[in-house]
PDB file of N, CA and C in Angstrom:
ATOM      1  N   MET A   1    -125.815   3.950  33.080  1.00  0.00           N
ATOM      2  CA  MET A   1    -126.280   3.112  33.564  1.00  0.00           C
ATOM      3  C   MET A   1    -126.766   1.485  33.799  1.00  0.00           C
ATOM      4  N   PHE A   2    -125.914   0.515  33.987  1.00  0.00           N
ATOM      5  CA  PHE A   2    -126.506  -0.730  33.804  1.00  0.00           C
ATOM      6  C   PHE A   2    -127.528  -1.030  34.548  1.00  0.00           C
ATOM      7  N   THR A   3    -128.419  -1.630  34.835  1.00  0.00           N
ATOM      8  CA  THR A   3    -129.029  -1.912  35.003  1.00  0.00           C
ATOM      9  C   THR A   3    -129.278  -4.137  34.834  1.00  0.00           C
ATOM     10  N   GLU A   4    -129.565  -5.070  36.357  1.00  0.00           N
ATOM     11  CA  GLU A   4    -129.189  -5.870  36.251  1.00  0.00           C
ATOM     12  C   GLU A   4    -130.443  -6.885  34.904  1.00  0.00           C
ATOM     13  N   ASP A   5    -131.113  -5.906  33.873  1.00  0.00           N
ATOM     14  CA  ASP A   5    -132.307  -6.922  32.928  1.00  0.00           C
ATOM     15  C   ASP A   5    -131.198  -6.485  31.303  1.00  0.00           C
ATOM     16  N   GLY A   6    -130.193  -6.040  32.047  1.00  0.00           N
ATOM     17  CA  GLY A   6    -129.323  -5.989  30.555  1.00  0.00           C
ATOM     18  C   GLY A   6    -129.390  -4.729  29.921  1.00  0.00           C
ATOM     19  N   ALA A   7    -130.931  -3.593  30.928  1.00  0.00           N
ATOM     20  CA  ALA A   7    -130.592  -2.211  30.073  1.00  0.00           C
ATOM     21  C   ALA A   7    -129.286  -1.530  30.426  1.00  0.00           C
ATOM     22  N   VAL A   8    -129.558  -0.317  29.358  1.00  0.00           N
ATOM     23  CA  VAL A   8    -128.567   0.344  30.163  1.00  0.00           C
ATOM     24  C   VAL A   8    -128.972   1.954  29.183  1.00  0.00           C
ATOM     25  N   SER A   9    -128.322   2.757  30.068  1.00  0.00           N
ATOM     26  CA  SER A   9    -128.665   4.256  30.066  1.00  0.00           C
ATOM     27  C   SER A   9    -127.514   5.000  29.858  1.00  0.00           C
ATOM     28  N   PHE A  10    -127.207   6.004  29.173  1.00  0.00           N
ATOM     29  CA  PHE A  10    -126.235   6.620  29.351  1.00  0.00           C
ATOM     30  C   PHE A  10    -125.941   8.472  28.147  1.00  0.00           C
ATOM     31  N   GLY A  11    -125.185   8.616  28.556  1.00  0.00           N
ATOM     32  CA  GLY A  11    -125.109  10.551  28.575  1.00  0.00           C
ATOM     33  C   GLY A  11    -123.824  11.176  27.831  1.00  0.00           C
ATOM     34  N   ASN A  12    -123.498  11.673  27.007  1.00  0.00           N
ATOM     35  CA  ASN A  12    -122.424  12.056  26.713  1.00  0.00           C
ATOM     36  C   ASN A  12    -121.419  11.981  26.441  1.00  0.00           C
ATOM     37  N   ILE A  13    -121.176  10.197  26.045  1.00  0.00           N
ATOM     38  CA  ILE A  13    -119.777   8.928  26.248  1.00  0.00           C
ATOM     39  C   ILE A  13    -119.702   9.626  24.402  1.00  0.00           C
ATOM     40  N   THR A  14    -118.381   8.987  24.587  1.00  0.00           N
ATOM     41  CA  THR A  14    -117.177   8.576  23.353  1.00  0.00           C
ATOM     42  C   THR A  14    -118.526   7.579  21.929  1.00  0.00           C
ATOM     43  N   GLN A  15    -118.038   8.333  20.983  1.00  0.00           N
ATOM     44  CA  GLN A  15    -119.552   7.496  20.279  1.00  0.00           C
ATOM     45  C   GLN A  15    -117.835   6.737  19.020  1.00  0.00           C
ATOM     46  N   ASP A  16    -118.160   5.878  18.706  1.00  0.00           N
ATOM     47  CA  ASP A  16    -117.332   5.244  17.555  1.00  0.00           C
ATOM     48  C   ASP A  16    -117.132   6.125  16.057  1.00  0.00           C
ATOM     49  N   ARG A  17    -116.412   6.789  15.251  1.00  0.00           N
ATOM     50  CA  ARG A  17    -117.367   7.476  14.141  1.00  0.00           C
ATOM     51  C   ARG A  17    -117.986   6.343  13.237  1.00  0.00           C
ATOM     52  N   TYR A  18    -117.195   5.426  13.298  1.00  0.00           N
ATOM     53  CA  TYR A  18    -118.304   4.429  12.143  1.00  0.00           C
ATOM     54  C   TYR A  18    -120.541   4.147  12.721  1.00  0.00           C
ATOM     55  N   CYS A  19    -120.032   4.787  13.732  1.00  0.00           N
ATOM     56  CA  CYS A  19    -121.820   4.081  14.284  1.00  0.00           C
ATOM     57  C   CYS A  19    -122.726   5.608  13.723  1.00  0.00           C
ATOM     58  N   VAL A  20    -121.992   6.474  12.914  1.00  0.00           N
ATOM     59  CA  VAL A  20    -122.244   7.324  12.421  1.00  0.00           C
ATOM     60  C   VAL A  20    -122.883   7.966  11.055  1.00  0.00           C
ATOM     61  N   PRO A  21    -123.677   8.372  10.608  1.00  0.00           N
ATOM     62  CA  PRO A  21    -123.768   8.192   8.726  1.00  0.00           C
ATOM     63  C   PRO A  21    -122.598   8.831   8.564  1.00  0.00           C
ATOM     64  N   GLU A  22    -121.898   8.898   6.979  1.00  0.00           N
ATOM     65  CA  GLU A  22    -120.938   9.061   6.809  1.00  0.00           C
ATOM     66  C   GLU A  22    -120.821  10.388   6.761  1.00  0.00           C
ATOM     67  N   ASN A  23    -121.982  10.542   6.389  1.00  0.00           N
ATOM     68  CA  ASN A  23    -121.703  12.345   5.923  1.00  0.00           C
ATOM     69  C   ASN A  23    -121.160  12.812   6.981  1.00  0.00           C
ATOM     70  N   MET A  24    -121.670  12.904   7.893  1.00  0.00           N
ATOM     71  CA  MET A  24    -121.276  13.422   9.054  1.00  0.00           C
ATOM     72  C   MET A  24    -119.869  12.705   9.903  1.00  0.00           C
ATOM     73  N   ARG A  25    -119.198  12.362   9.181  1.00  0.00           N
ATOM     74  CA  ARG A  25    -118.361  11.045  10.554  1.00  0.00           C
ATOM     75  C   ARG A  25    -117.556  12.482  11.209  1.00  0.00           C
ATOM     76  N   ASN A  26    -116.784  13.840   9.935  1.00  0.00           N
ATOM     77  CA  ASN A  26    -116.369  14.668  10.222  1.00  0.00           C
ATOM     78  C   ASN A  26    -116.225  14.751  11.788  1.00  0.00           C
ATOM     79  N   ALA A  27    -117.386  15.397  12.341  1.00  0.00           N
ATOM     80  CA  ALA A  27    -117.853  15.893  13.591  1.00  0.00           C
ATOM     81  C   ALA A  27    -118.231  14.473  14.711  1.00  0.00           C
ATOM     82  N   VAL A  28    -118.208  13.141  14.113  1.00  0.00           N
ATOM     83  CA  VAL A  28    -117.446  12.468  15.725  1.00  0.00           C
ATOM     84  C   VAL A  28    -118.098  12.777  16.347  1.00  0.00           C
ATOM     85  N   PRO A  29    -119.388  12.828  16.554  1.00  0.00           N
ATOM     86  CA  PRO A  29    -120.465  13.297  18.229  1.00  0.00           C
ATOM     87  C   PRO A  29    -120.727  11.640  19.652  1.00  0.00           C
ATOM     88  N   ARG A  30    -120.788  12.644  20.294  1.00  0.00           N
ATOM     89  CA  ARG A  30    -120.877  11.885  21.421  1.00  0.00           C
ATOM     90  C   ARG A  30    -122.165  11.467  21.777  1.00  0.00           C
ATOM     91  N   ALA A  31    -123.156  10.519  21.968  1.00  0.00           N
ATOM     92  CA  ALA A  31    -123.898   9.628  22.351  1.00  0.00           C
ATOM     93  C   ALA A  31    -124.616   9.597  23.441  1.00  0.00           C
ATOM     94  N   SER A  32    -125.817   9.963  23.586  1.00  0.00           N
ATOM     95  CA  SER A  32    -126.905   9.998  24.442  1.00  0.00           C
ATOM     96  C   SER A  32    -127.874   8.678  24.393  1.00  0.00           C
ATOM     97  N   GLY A  33    -128.637   7.955  25.443  1.00  0.00           N
ATOM     98  CA  GLY A  33    -130.104   7.526  25.285  1.00  0.00           C
ATOM     99  C   GLY A  33    -130.290   6.028  26.340  1.00  0.00           C
ATOM    100  N   ASP A  34    -130.413   5.552  25.342  1.00  0.00           N
ATOM    101  CA  ASP A  34    -130.484   3.961  25.686  1.00  0.00           C
ATOM    102  C   ASP A  34    -130.163   3.194  24.491  1.00  0.00           C
ATOM    103  N   GLY A  35    -129.892   2.007  25.742  1.00  0.00           N
ATOM    104  CA  GLY A  35    -129.771   0.737  24.815  1.00  0.00           C
ATOM    105  C   GLY A  35    -130.037  -1.058  25.931  1.00  0.00           C
ATOM    106  N   THR A  36    -129.031  -2.168  25.161  1.00  0.00           N
ATOM    107  CA  THR A  36    -129.041  -2.985  25.859  1.00  0.00           C
ATOM    108  C   THR A  36    -127.525  -3.088  26.343  1.00  0.00           C
ATOM    109  N   TRP A  37    -127.310  -4.595  26.699  1.00  0.00           N
ATOM    110  CA  TRP A  37    -125.829  -4.206  27.312  1.00  0.00           C
ATOM    111  C   TRP A  37    -125.674  -6.155  27.210  1.00  0.00           C
ATOM    112  N   THR A  38    -124.629  -6.799  27.272  1.00  0.00           N
ATOM    113  CA  THR A  38    -124.302  -7.788  27.825  1.00  0.00           C
ATOM    114  C   THR A  38    -122.511  -7.865  28.144  1.00  0.00           C
ATOM    115  N   PHE A  39    -122.570  -8.833  28.617  1.00  0.00           N
ATOM    116  CA  PHE A  39    -121.357  -9.129  28.639  1.00  0.00           C
ATOM    117  C   PHE A  39    -120.733  -9.962  26.938  1.00  0.00           C
ATOM    118  N   ASP A  40    -119.423  -9.073  27.877  1.00  0.00           N
ATOM    119  CA  ASP A  40    -118.878  -9.918  26.116  1.00  0.00           C
ATOM    120  C   ASP A  40    -116.875  -9.648  26.344  1.00  0.00           C
ATOM    121  N   THR A  41    -116.226 -10.310  25.960  1.00  0.00           N
ATOM    122  CA  THR A  41    -114.980 -10.198  25.643  1.00  0.00           C
ATOM    123  C   THR A  41    -113.884 -10.168  24.082  1.00  0.00           C
ATOM    124  N   VAL A  42    -113.472  -8.636  23.924  1.00  0.00           N
ATOM    125  CA  VAL A  42    -113.201  -8.018  23.253  1.00  0.00           C
ATOM    126  C   VAL A  42    -111.785  -9.255  22.085  1.00  0.00           C
ATOM    127  N   PRO A  43    -112.195  -9.571  21.574  1.00  0.00           N
ATOM    128  CA  PRO A  43    -110.902 -10.169  20.981  1.00  0.00           C
ATOM    129  C   PRO A  43    -109.126  -9.922  21.328  1.00  0.00           C
ATOM    130  N   ASP A  44    -108.799 -10.078  22.091  1.00  0.00           N
ATOM    131  CA  ASP A  44    -106.743  -9.689  21.995  1.00  0.00           C
ATOM    132  C   ASP A  44    -107.545  -9.027  23.273  1.00  0.00           C
ATOM    133  N   GLU A  45    -108.644  -9.163  24.188  1.00  0.00           N
ATOM    134  CA  GLU A  45    -108.747  -7.754  25.104  1.00  0.00           C
ATOM    135  C   GLU A  45    -109.078  -8.096  26.399  1.00  0.00           C
ATOM    136  N   ARG A  46    -109.493  -7.598  27.655  1.00  0.00           N
ATOM    137  CA  ARG A  46    -109.995  -8.370  28.885  1.00  0.00           C
ATOM    138  C   ARG A  46    -111.601  -8.156  28.507  1.00  0.00           C
ATOM    139  N   PRO A  47    -112.159  -8.543  29.608  1.00  0.00           N
ATOM    140  CA  PRO A  47    -113.983  -8.778  29.406  1.00  0.00           C
ATOM    141  C   PRO A  47    -113.793  -8.102  30.044  1.00  0.00           C
ATOM    142  N   GLY A  48    -115.309  -8.234  29.720  1.00  0.00           N
ATOM    143  CA  GLY A  48    -115.665  -6.494  29.219  1.00  0.00           C
ATOM    144  C   GLY A  48    -117.329  -6.711  29.039  1.00  0.00           C
ATOM    145  N   VAL A  49    -117.990  -5.406  28.339  1.00  0.00           N
ATOM    146  CA  VAL A  49    -120.057  -5.588  27.919  1.00  0.00           C
ATOM    147  C   VAL A  49    -119.225  -5.255  26.590  1.00  0.00           C
ATOM    148  N   ARG A  50    -120.376  -5.088  26.349  1.00  0.00           N
ATOM    149  CA  ARG A  50    -121.150  -4.907  24.367  1.00  0.00           C
ATOM    150  C   ARG A  50    -122.279  -3.623  24.590  1.00  0.00           C
ATOM    151  N   ILE A  51    -122.543  -2.776  24.691  1.00  0.00           N
ATOM    152  CA  ILE A  51    -123.498  -2.146  24.466  1.00  0.00           C
ATOM    153  C   ILE A  51    -124.113  -1.437  23.227  1.00  0.00           C
ATOM    154  N   GLU A  52    -125.157  -1.193  22.719  1.00  0.00           N
ATOM    155  CA  GLU A  52    -125.762  -1.561  21.044  1.00  0.00           C
ATOM    156  C   GLU A  52    -127.254  -0.598  21.795  1.00  0.00           C
ATOM    157  N   PHE A  53    -127.738   0.317  21.092  1.00  0.00           N
ATOM    158  CA  PHE A  53    -128.851   0.713  20.977  1.00  0.00           C
ATOM    159  C   PHE A  53    -128.258   1.604  19.357  1.00  0.00           C
ATOM    160  N   ALA A  54    -129.915   2.037  19.686  1.00  0.00           N
ATOM    161  CA  ALA A  54    -130.258   2.629  17.972  1.00  0.00           C
ATOM    162  C   ALA A  54    -129.733   4.127  18.069  1.00  0.00           C
ATOM    163  N   THR A  55    -129.040   4.365  16.696  1.00  0.00           N
ATOM    164  CA  THR A  55    -128.311   5.264  16.667  1.00  0.00           C
ATOM    165  C   THR A  55    -129.056   6.974  16.125  1.00  0.00           C
ATOM    166  N   GLY A  56    -130.128   6.697  16.220  1.00  0.00           N
ATOM    167  CA  GLY A  56    -131.533   7.725  15.340  1.00  0.00           C
ATOM    168  C   GLY A  56    -131.009   8.318  14.215  1.00  0.00           C
ATOM    169  N   HIS A  57    -130.205   7.105  13.074  1.00  0.00           N
ATOM    170  CA  HIS A  57    -130.433   7.952  11.517  1.00  0.00           C
ATOM    171  C   HIS A  57    -130.953   6.429  11.568  1.00  0.00           C
ATOM    172  N   GLU A  58    -130.675   6.477   9.671  1.00  0.00           N
ATOM    173  CA  GLU A  58    -131.025   5.648   9.269  1.00  0.00           C
ATOM    174  C   GLU A  58    -130.225   5.295   9.149  1.00  0.00           C
ATOM    175  N   ARG A  59    -128.566   5.193   8.759  1.00  0.00           N
ATOM    176  CA  ARG A  59    -127.594   3.670   8.546  1.00  0.00           C
ATOM    177  C   ARG A  59    -126.005   4.256   9.465  1.00  0.00           C
ATOM    178  N   PRO A  60    -124.981   4.130   9.965  1.00  0.00           N
ATOM    179  CA  PRO A  60    -126.509   3.060  10.396  1.00  0.00           C
ATOM    180  C   PRO A  60    -127.271   3.088  11.517  1.00  0.00           C
ATOM    181  N   ALA A  61    -128.257   2.321  11.816  1.00  0.00           N
ATOM    182  CA  ALA A  61    -129.427   1.878  12.572  1.00  0.00           C
ATOM    183  C   ALA A  61    -128.757   1.681  14.074  1.00  0.00           C
ATOM    184  N   HIS A  62    -128.046   1.216  13.548  1.00  0.00           N
ATOM    185  CA  HIS A  62    -128.027   0.921  15.295  1.00  0.00           C
ATOM    186  C   HIS A  62    -126.337   0.411  15.488  1.00  0.00           C
ATOM    187  N   CYS A  63    -125.602   0.564  16.761  1.00  0.00           N
ATOM    188  CA  CYS A  63    -124.174   0.644  16.741  1.00  0.00           C
ATOM    189  C   CYS A  63    -124.126  -0.414  18.409  1.00  0.00           C
ATOM    190  N   ALA A  64    -122.608  -0.690  17.791  1.00  0.00           N
ATOM    191  CA  ALA A  64    -121.935  -1.493  18.747  1.00  0.00           C
ATOM    192  C   ALA A  64    -121.193  -1.466  19.905  1.00  0.00           C
ATOM    193  N   LEU A  65    -120.949  -1.003  20.655  1.00  0.00           N
ATOM    194  CA  LEU A  65    -119.825  -0.397  21.000  1.00  0.00           C
ATOM    195  C   LEU A  65    -118.501  -1.545  22.240  1.00  0.00           C
ATOM    196  N   ASN A  66    -117.319  -1.582  22.519  1.00  0.00           N
ATOM    197  CA  ASN A  66    -116.929  -2.277  23.678  1.00  0.00           C
ATOM    198  C   ASN A  66    -116.147  -1.878  24.560  1.00  0.00           C
ATOM    199  N   ALA A  67    -116.893  -2.045  25.728  1.00  0.00           N
ATOM    200  CA  ALA A  67    -116.313  -1.669  26.782  1.00  0.00           C
ATOM    201  C   ALA A  67    -115.375  -2.689  27.690  1.00  0.00           C
ATOM    202  N   ILE A  68    -114.334  -2.441  28.059  1.00  0.00           N
ATOM    203  CA  ILE A  68    -113.355  -3.298  29.009  1.00  0.00           C
ATOM    204  C   ILE A  68    -113.796  -3.476  30.100  1.00  0.00           C
ATOM    205  N   TRP A  69    -113.436  -4.323  31.257  1.00  0.00           N
ATOM    206  CA  TRP A  69    -112.877  -4.393  32.312  1.00  0.00           C
ATOM    207  C   TRP A  69    -111.171  -3.537  32.720  1.00  0.00           C
ATOM    208  N   VAL A  70    -111.809  -1.850  33.780  1.00  0.00           N
ATOM    209  CA  VAL A  70    -110.439  -1.870  33.749  1.00  0.00           C
ATOM    210  C   VAL A  70    -109.683  -1.352  35.083  1.00  0.00           C
ATOM    211  N   GLY A  71    -108.679  -0.635  35.981  1.00  0.00           N
ATOM    212  CA  GLY A  71    -108.845  -0.329  36.645  1.00  0.00           C
ATOM    213  C   GLY A  71    -108.006  -0.612  38.021  1.00  0.00           C
ATOM    214  N   LYS A  72    -108.141  -1.235  39.111  1.00  0.00           N
ATOM    215  CA  LYS A  72    -107.056  -1.697  40.038  1.00  0.00           C
ATOM    216  C   LYS A  72    -109.193  -2.416  41.002  1.00  0.00           C
ATOM    217  N   ARG A  73    -108.325  -3.893  40.922  1.00  0.00           N
ATOM    218  CA  ARG A  73    -108.958  -5.043  41.951  1.00  0.00           C
ATOM    219  C   ARG A  73    -110.092  -3.258  42.454  1.00  0.00           C
ATOM    220  N   PRO A  74    -111.710  -4.127  42.693  1.00  0.00           N
ATOM    221  CA  PRO A  74    -112.131  -4.781  41.614  1.00  0.00           C
ATOM    222  C   PRO A  74    -113.048  -4.094  40.025  1.00  0.00           C
ATOM    223  N   TYR A  75    -111.728  -4.320  39.617  1.00  0.00           N
ATOM    224  CA  TYR A  75    -111.555  -3.418  37.989  1.00  0.00           C
ATOM    225  C   TYR A  75    -113.122  -2.559  38.195  1.00  0.00           C
ATOM    226  N   ASP A  76    -112.664  -1.294  38.851  1.00  0.00           N
ATOM    227  CA  ASP A  76    -113.778  -0.327  38.993  1.00  0.00           C
ATOM    228  C   ASP A  76    -113.853   0.797  37.942  1.00  0.00           C
ATOM    229  N   GLN A  77    -113.226   0.764  37.068  1.00  0.00           N
ATOM    230  CA  GLN A  77    -113.768   1.559  36.175  1.00  0.00           C
ATOM    231  C   GLN A  77    -113.370   0.154  34.341  1.00  0.00           C
ATOM    232  N   MET A  78    -114.956   1.093  33.395  1.00  0.00           N
ATOM    233  CA  MET A  78    -114.177   0.103  32.330  1.00  0.00           C
ATOM    234  C   MET A  78    -114.042   1.350  31.377  1.00  0.00           C
ATOM    235  N   TYR A  79    -113.114   0.547  30.535  1.00  0.00           N
ATOM    236  CA  TYR A  79    -112.658   1.522  29.406  1.00  0.00           C
ATOM    237  C   TYR A  79    -113.663   1.625  27.832  1.00  0.00           C
ATOM    238  N   LEU A  80    -114.492   2.113  27.682  1.00  0.00           N
ATOM    239  CA  LEU A  80    -114.728   2.485  26.118  1.00  0.00           C
ATOM    240  C   LEU A  80    -113.614   2.543  24.790  1.00  0.00           C
ATOM    241  N   ARG A  81    -113.442   1.323  24.013  1.00  0.00           N
ATOM    242  CA  ARG A  81    -112.843   0.957  23.299  1.00  0.00           C
ATOM    243  C   ARG A  81    -113.391   1.627  22.598  1.00  0.00           C
ATOM    244  N   GLN A  82    -112.309   2.300  21.020  1.00  0.00           N
ATOM    245  CA  GLN A  82    -112.371   3.158  19.796  1.00  0.00           C
ATOM    246  C   GLN A  82    -112.211   2.807  18.905  1.00  0.00           C
ATOM    247  N   ASP A  83    -112.134   2.494  17.820  1.00  0.00           N
ATOM    248  CA  ASP A  83    -111.409   1.984  16.517  1.00  0.00           C
ATOM    249  C   ASP A  83    -110.162   3.233  15.688  1.00  0.00           C
ATOM    250  N   ASP A  84    -110.186   4.162  16.845  1.00  0.00           N
ATOM    251  CA  ASP A  84    -109.555   4.756  16.611  1.00  0.00           C
ATOM    252  C   ASP A  84    -108.555   5.503  17.032  1.00  0.00           C
ATOM    253  N   GLY A  85    -108.198   4.273  18.072  1.00  0.00           N
ATOM    254  CA  GLY A  85    -107.446   4.053  18.799  1.00  0.00           C
ATOM    255  C   GLY A  85    -106.908   4.934  20.198  1.00  0.00           C
ATOM    256  N   LYS A  86    -108.643   5.710  20.213  1.00  0.00           N
ATOM    257  CA  LYS A  86    -108.071   6.603  22.069  1.00  0.00           C
ATOM    258  C   LYS A  86    -110.151   6.150  22.903  1.00  0.00           C
ATOM    259  N   GLY A  87    -109.966   6.724  23.253  1.00  0.00           N
ATOM    260  CA  GLY A  87    -111.033   5.812  24.452  1.00  0.00           C
ATOM    261  C   GLY A  87    -111.184   6.416  25.761  1.00  0.00           C
ATOM    262  N   GLU A  88    -112.116   6.509  26.224  1.00  0.00           N
ATOM    263  CA  GLU A  88    -112.785   7.223  27.641  1.00  0.00           C
ATOM    264  C   GLU A  88    -112.807   6.207  28.981  1.00  0.00           C
ATOM    265  N   ARG A  89    -112.523   6.451  30.239  1.00  0.00           N
ATOM    266  CA  ARG A  89    -111.725   5.655  30.768  1.00  0.00           C
ATOM    267  C   ARG A  89    -113.924   6.183  31.888  1.00  0.00           C
ATOM    268  N   TYR A  90    -114.288   5.253  31.966  1.00  0.00           N
ATOM    269  CA  TYR A  90    -115.477   5.176  32.948  1.00  0.00           C
ATOM    270  C   TYR A  90    -115.052   5.089  34.755  1.00  0.00           C
ATOM    271  N   ALA A  91    -115.490   5.622  35.940  1.00  0.00           N
ATOM    272  CA  ALA A  91    -115.381   5.329  37.056  1.00  0.00           C
ATOM    273  C   ALA A  91    -117.045   4.998  37.666  1.00  0.00           C
ATOM    274  N   ARG A  92    -116.913   3.343  38.121  1.00  0.00           N
ATOM    275  CA  ARG A  92    -118.416   2.518  38.610  1.00  0.00           C
ATOM    276  C   ARG A  92    -118.747   3.521  39.769  1.00  0.00           C
ATOM    277  N   ASP A  93    -119.857   4.009  39.527  1.00  0.00           N
ATOM    278  CA  ASP A  93    -120.682   4.302  40.991  1.00  0.00           C
ATOM    279  C   ASP A  93    -121.580   3.962  41.545  1.00  0.00           C
ATOM    280  N   SER A  94    -121.855   3.314  42.272  1.00  0.00           N
ATOM    281  CA  SER A  94    -122.680   2.379  43.001  1.00  0.00           C
ATOM    282  C   SER A  94    -124.087   3.295  43.585  1.00  0.00           C
ATOM    283  N   THR A  95    -123.904   4.260  44.022  1.00  0.00           N
ATOM    284  CA  THR A  95    -124.769   5.948  44.934  1.00  0.00           C
ATOM    285  C   THR A  95    -125.895   5.988  43.266  1.00  0.00           C
ATOM    286  N   ALA A  96    -125.411   5.676  41.952  1.00  0.00           N
ATOM    287  CA  ALA A  96    -126.204   6.449  41.033  1.00  0.00           C
ATOM    288  C   ALA A  96    -127.798   5.399  40.789  1.00  0.00           C
ATOM    289  N   HIS A  97    -129.072   6.260  41.115  1.00  0.00           N
ATOM    290  CA  HIS A  97    -129.687   5.269  40.469  1.00  0.00           C
ATOM    291  C   HIS A  97    -130.754   5.547  39.380  1.00  0.00           C
TER     292      HIS A  97
END
């Protein structure tokens, strides 16, 4: 859930493999937690948001993920990009609190 003050809370989202310690990269875990978000434009992509959060590990201590707006107008979905070329779409749910 994204809030107006720049906070984000998420559960079971795809996590870039570079956001986990090297000895755990084969697992490519999913992430849950809290962080911050800001509007951002990924180079050569559509506008979207940048999500930053603590990983819970010493290295890397923080992770940043980029999501771009997709879907039919009014861009009702976000696509969480991954460096491995895969990703997931998330639909907006204005009823979630």
